[in-house]
Amino acid sequence: MPQISILYPEEDRRTVQIPDAGLLIGREPSCDLCLTDEFVSAKHCKIFSENGTFFLEDLGSTNGTTIDGMEVEEKSVLKEGQSIQIGITVMKFHLSL
């Protein structure tokens, strides 16, 4: 099962499975993955699958989203082991662990 592992900040370290419906990430408590990072937007980005390919979509966040240091322009393909950064939060995408 695909997962996201939070690597930084250390006090927020955890691994979260990505459900079939996708994973909404942001500061808002209603998000599937709620972060306390002040540089993360209320509804920052979403990870989802289409026909077996995983994508990360920035939802118009204030501070943007990067995959392996490259700015996400709306929607980008996610591959095994890629690093995602939103605000100061750094995560790693895994197809399975």
Protein backbone atom coordinates (compact mmCIF):
# COMPACT_ATOMS: atom_id res chain seq x y z
CA MET A 1 0.00 0.00 0.00
CA PRO A 2 1.38 3.48 -0.89
CA GLN A 3 2.57 5.58 2.02
CA ILE A 4 3.99 8.95 2.99
CA SER A 5 6.66 9.11 5.70
CA ILE A 6 7.24 12.42 7.45
CA LEU A 7 10.99 12.82 7.98
CA TYR A 8 11.15 16.40 9.29
CA PRO A 9 10.35 17.93 11.69
CA GLU A 10 11.36 15.02 13.89
CA GLU A 11 8.59 15.60 16.45
CA ASP A 12 6.04 14.97 13.68
CA ARG A 13 7.69 11.76 12.37
CA ARG A 14 5.10 9.21 11.27
CA THR A 15 4.04 7.12 8.32
CA VAL A 16 0.58 7.45 6.81
CA GLN A 17 -1.05 5.14 4.27
CA ILE A 18 -2.56 6.75 1.20
CA PRO A 19 -6.18 5.57 0.88
CA ASP A 20 -7.79 4.75 -2.47
CA ALA A 21 -9.69 8.05 -2.31
CA GLY A 22 -6.41 9.98 -2.03
CA LEU A 23 -4.71 11.90 0.77
CA LEU A 24 -5.50 15.57 1.45
CA ILE A 25 -2.61 17.29 3.26
CA GLY A 26 -2.83 20.62 5.08
CA ARG A 27 -3.15 22.47 8.38
CA GLU A 28 -6.95 22.22 8.57
CA PRO A 29 -8.12 19.52 11.04
CA SER A 30 -10.42 18.03 8.37
CA CYS A 31 -7.40 17.05 6.21
CA ASP A 32 -6.43 13.38 6.03
CA LEU A 33 -2.89 14.37 7.06
CA CYS A 34 -3.07 17.41 9.36
CA LEU A 35 0.24 19.22 9.91
CA THR A 36 1.09 21.91 12.45
CA ASP A 37 3.68 23.57 10.18
CA GLU A 38 2.79 27.29 10.02
CA PHE A 39 4.05 27.46 6.40
CA VAL A 40 1.52 24.83 5.23
CA SER A 41 -1.79 26.09 3.82
CA ALA A 42 -5.13 24.98 5.26
CA LYS A 43 -5.62 22.63 2.28
CA HIS A 44 -2.14 22.50 0.76
CA CYS A 45 -1.96 19.52 -1.61
CA LYS A 46 -3.43 16.14 -2.46
CA ILE A 47 -1.86 12.82 -3.41
CA PHE A 48 -4.03 10.54 -5.53
CA SER A 49 -3.92 7.72 -8.05
CA GLU A 50 -5.23 7.64 -11.63
CA ASN A 51 -4.94 4.36 -13.56
CA GLY A 52 -2.16 3.10 -11.28
CA THR A 53 -0.05 6.28 -11.49
CA PHE A 54 0.33 8.48 -8.42
CA PHE A 55 0.14 12.25 -8.62
CA LEU A 56 0.69 15.15 -6.27
CA GLU A 57 -1.45 18.21 -6.91
CA ASP A 58 -0.76 21.57 -5.27
CA LEU A 59 -4.12 23.13 -4.33
CA GLY A 60 -3.06 26.76 -4.81
CA SER A 61 -0.99 26.85 -1.63
CA THR A 62 0.68 30.08 -0.55
CA ASN A 63 4.21 28.67 -0.18
CA GLY A 64 4.15 26.00 -2.88
CA THR A 65 5.16 22.34 -2.98
CA THR A 66 8.35 20.70 -4.24
CA ILE A 67 9.17 17.15 -5.36
CA ASP A 68 12.92 16.42 -5.18
CA GLY A 69 13.51 20.19 -5.04
CA MET A 70 11.47 20.98 -8.17
CA GLU A 71 8.41 23.23 -7.82
CA VAL A 72 5.11 21.46 -8.51
CA GLU A 73 3.09 23.19 -11.21
CA GLU A 74 -0.48 22.11 -10.44
CA LYS A 75 -0.12 18.30 -10.82
CA SER A 76 3.04 16.14 -10.99
CA VAL A 77 3.70 12.40 -11.21
CA LEU A 78 5.06 10.84 -8.00
CA LYS A 79 7.63 8.04 -8.12
CA GLU A 80 8.99 5.66 -5.49
CA GLY A 81 11.33 7.30 -3.00
CA GLN A 82 10.76 10.89 -4.08
CA SER A 83 11.03 13.63 -1.48
CA ILE A 84 8.14 16.06 -1.01
CA GLN A 85 8.48 19.37 0.81
CA ILE A 86 5.65 21.64 1.91
CA GLY A 87 6.57 24.47 4.25
CA ILE A 88 9.39 23.10 6.41
CA THR A 89 7.84 19.61 6.41
CA VAL A 90 9.81 16.98 4.45
CA MET A 91 8.16 13.69 3.46
CA LYS A 92 9.09 10.65 1.38
CA PHE A 93 6.71 8.80 -0.96
CA HIS A 94 6.75 5.00 -0.98
CA LEU A 95 4.68 2.68 -3.18
CA SER A 96 4.95 0.09 -0.40
CA LEU A 97 7.01 -0.55 2.73
